[in-house]
Amino acid sequence: MTQLDDLYRRVIMDHYKNPRNRGKFEEDTVVVDLNNPTCGDRISLQLKLEDGVVKDARFTGEGCSISMSSASMMTEAVKGRKLEEALDFADRFSSLMKGEDVTFDDYEDLEALSGVSKFPARIKCATLAWNALRKGIDHDD
């Protein structure tokens, strides 16, 4: 294992064991519930969307380290961003999952998931939260 692989593994496990933005909002939000029937991962994403901006994001759910760490990273990456920027992140993340060379200078933790592209069965795990984000933003239109 290279030093970079080890670093990426540590970043993924940190987000899995210490998820950012895990929980629920008390007030009204956009809620998207998705699951991956092939592996059992499920997520409930809550978004506070206001004036074309993702004001805040939280999630609950159960799943593997890849899906839960991806949800943690996604909520961190999109908070405070314009909807177009959040969708750009989702597009770039999809490209990363296709094995394309993508960088996230504005939130480098996401690059830790680049190795998932080598395991096609795990790509749906990594993209579950991102699909919920797209659906939530589409719901707001």
Protein backbone atom coordinates (compact mmCIF):
# COMPACT_ATOMS: atom_id res chain seq x y z
CA MET A 1 0.00 0.00 0.00
CA THR A 2 1.39 3.41 -0.93
CA GLN A 3 1.49 6.31 1.49
CA LEU A 4 -1.24 8.02 -0.52
CA ASP A 5 -3.47 4.93 -0.36
CA ASP A 6 -2.90 4.78 3.39
CA LEU A 7 -3.77 8.47 3.75
CA TYR A 8 -6.94 8.02 1.70
CA ARG A 9 -7.95 5.02 3.79
CA ARG A 10 -7.47 7.05 6.97
CA VAL A 11 -9.56 9.93 5.59
CA ILE A 12 -12.40 7.55 4.65
CA MET A 13 -12.32 5.82 8.04
CA ASP A 14 -12.24 9.17 9.86
CA HIS A 15 -15.41 10.30 8.07
CA TYR A 16 -16.99 6.90 8.76
CA LYS A 17 -16.17 6.82 12.47
CA ASN A 18 -16.64 10.57 13.01
CA PRO A 19 -19.28 11.57 10.47
CA ARG A 20 -19.78 15.25 9.87
CA ASN A 21 -23.34 16.59 9.75
CA ARG A 22 -24.95 13.35 10.92
CA GLY A 23 -28.36 14.02 12.40
CA LYS A 24 -31.66 15.66 11.64
CA PHE A 25 -33.01 19.19 11.53
CA GLU A 26 -36.04 20.04 13.62
CA GLU A 27 -37.49 22.55 11.14
CA ASP A 28 -38.81 21.98 7.64
CA THR A 29 -36.24 20.98 5.07
CA VAL A 30 -36.05 19.17 1.77
CA VAL A 31 -35.84 15.46 2.66
CA VAL A 32 -34.67 12.77 0.26
CA ASP A 33 -34.68 9.09 1.24
CA LEU A 34 -32.73 6.71 -0.99
CA ASN A 35 -31.46 3.18 -0.68
CA ASN A 36 -29.20 0.88 -2.60
CA PRO A 37 -31.11 -2.42 -2.79
CA THR A 38 -28.05 -4.34 -3.99
CA CYS A 39 -26.16 -3.81 -0.72
CA GLY A 40 -28.67 -2.39 1.76
CA ASP A 41 -27.14 1.08 2.15
CA ARG A 42 -29.73 3.73 2.90
CA ILE A 43 -29.62 7.46 3.46
CA SER A 44 -32.01 10.18 4.49
CA LEU A 45 -30.60 13.52 3.37
CA GLN A 46 -31.96 16.80 4.69
CA LEU A 47 -31.17 20.03 2.90
CA LYS A 48 -31.82 23.63 3.90
CA LEU A 49 -32.05 25.40 0.56
CA GLU A 50 -32.48 29.15 0.60
CA ASP A 51 -32.01 31.81 -2.07
CA GLY A 52 -30.26 29.36 -4.40
CA VAL A 53 -27.79 28.21 -1.75
CA VAL A 54 -27.32 24.99 0.23
CA LYS A 55 -27.46 26.68 3.64
CA ASP A 56 -26.99 23.41 5.52
CA ALA A 57 -27.10 19.65 5.04
CA ARG A 58 -27.45 16.67 7.34
CA PHE A 59 -27.93 12.97 6.89
CA THR A 60 -28.90 9.82 8.69
CA GLY A 61 -28.72 6.27 7.46
CA GLU A 62 -26.90 3.00 7.58
CA GLY A 63 -24.38 1.49 5.27
CA CYS A 64 -20.82 0.59 4.55
CA SER A 65 -17.85 2.82 5.27
CA ILE A 66 -17.82 4.02 1.65
CA SER A 67 -21.45 5.20 1.57
CA MET A 68 -21.42 6.80 5.02
CA SER A 69 -18.06 8.53 4.57
CA SER A 70 -19.17 9.78 1.14
CA ALA A 71 -22.32 11.25 2.74
CA SER A 72 -20.22 12.93 5.40
CA MET A 73 -17.85 14.37 2.80
CA MET A 74 -20.68 15.46 0.52
CA THR A 75 -22.49 17.40 3.25
CA GLU A 76 -19.23 19.16 4.18
CA ALA A 77 -18.41 19.95 0.56
CA VAL A 78 -21.75 21.52 -0.41
CA LYS A 79 -22.70 23.53 2.67
CA GLY A 80 -22.75 27.22 1.89
CA ARG A 81 -22.47 26.70 -1.86
CA LYS A 82 -24.77 27.90 -4.59
CA LEU A 83 -26.95 25.14 -6.03
CA GLU A 84 -25.02 25.29 -9.32
CA GLU A 85 -21.75 24.77 -7.43
CA ALA A 86 -23.22 21.84 -5.49
CA LEU A 87 -24.36 20.24 -8.75
CA ASP A 88 -20.89 20.86 -10.22
CA PHE A 89 -19.43 18.96 -7.25
CA ALA A 90 -21.87 16.12 -7.98
CA ASP A 91 -20.85 16.08 -11.65
CA ARG A 92 -17.16 16.08 -10.78
CA PHE A 93 -17.70 13.33 -8.23
CA SER A 94 -19.47 11.22 -10.90
CA SER A 95 -16.46 11.72 -13.16
CA LEU A 96 -14.16 10.64 -10.32
CA MET A 97 -16.21 7.46 -9.94
CA LYS A 98 -15.71 6.79 -13.66
CA GLY A 99 -11.96 6.80 -13.06
CA GLU A 100 -11.37 10.24 -14.55
CA ASP A 101 -8.64 12.44 -13.13
CA VAL A 102 -10.55 14.97 -11.04
CA THR A 103 -9.29 17.24 -8.30
CA PHE A 104 -11.24 18.98 -5.59
CA ASP A 105 -9.02 21.87 -4.54
CA ASP A 106 -11.98 23.30 -2.66
CA TYR A 107 -12.53 20.09 -0.62
CA GLU A 108 -9.72 17.57 -1.01
CA ASP A 109 -11.20 14.86 1.24
CA LEU A 110 -13.37 13.78 -1.71
CA GLU A 111 -10.27 12.62 -3.57
CA ALA A 112 -9.89 9.89 -0.94
CA LEU A 113 -12.75 8.07 -2.66
CA SER A 114 -10.97 7.97 -6.04
CA GLY A 115 -9.96 4.31 -5.53
CA VAL A 116 -13.63 3.27 -5.47
CA SER A 117 -13.68 3.56 -9.27
CA LYS A 118 -11.61 0.35 -9.40
CA PHE A 119 -14.46 -1.56 -7.72
CA PRO A 120 -17.62 -1.20 -9.84
CA ALA A 121 -19.83 -2.84 -7.20
CA ARG A 122 -18.88 -0.10 -4.72
CA ILE A 123 -19.56 2.89 -6.98
CA LYS A 124 -23.26 2.85 -6.08
CA CYS A 125 -22.25 3.00 -2.42
CA ALA A 126 -20.14 6.10 -3.00
CA THR A 127 -22.71 7.88 -5.17
CA LEU A 128 -25.81 7.25 -3.03
CA ALA A 129 -25.57 10.53 -1.09
CA TRP A 130 -24.73 12.45 -4.26
CA ASN A 131 -27.83 11.06 -5.99
CA ALA A 132 -29.88 12.21 -3.00
CA LEU A 133 -28.33 15.67 -3.31
CA ARG A 134 -29.29 15.91 -6.99
CA LYS A 135 -32.82 14.76 -6.23
CA GLY A 136 -33.14 17.29 -3.39
CA ILE A 137 -31.93 20.17 -5.52
CA ASP A 138 -34.25 19.11 -8.36
CA HIS A 139 -37.11 19.02 -5.85
CA ASP A 140 -36.43 22.64 -4.95
CA ASP A 141 -36.84 23.89 -8.56
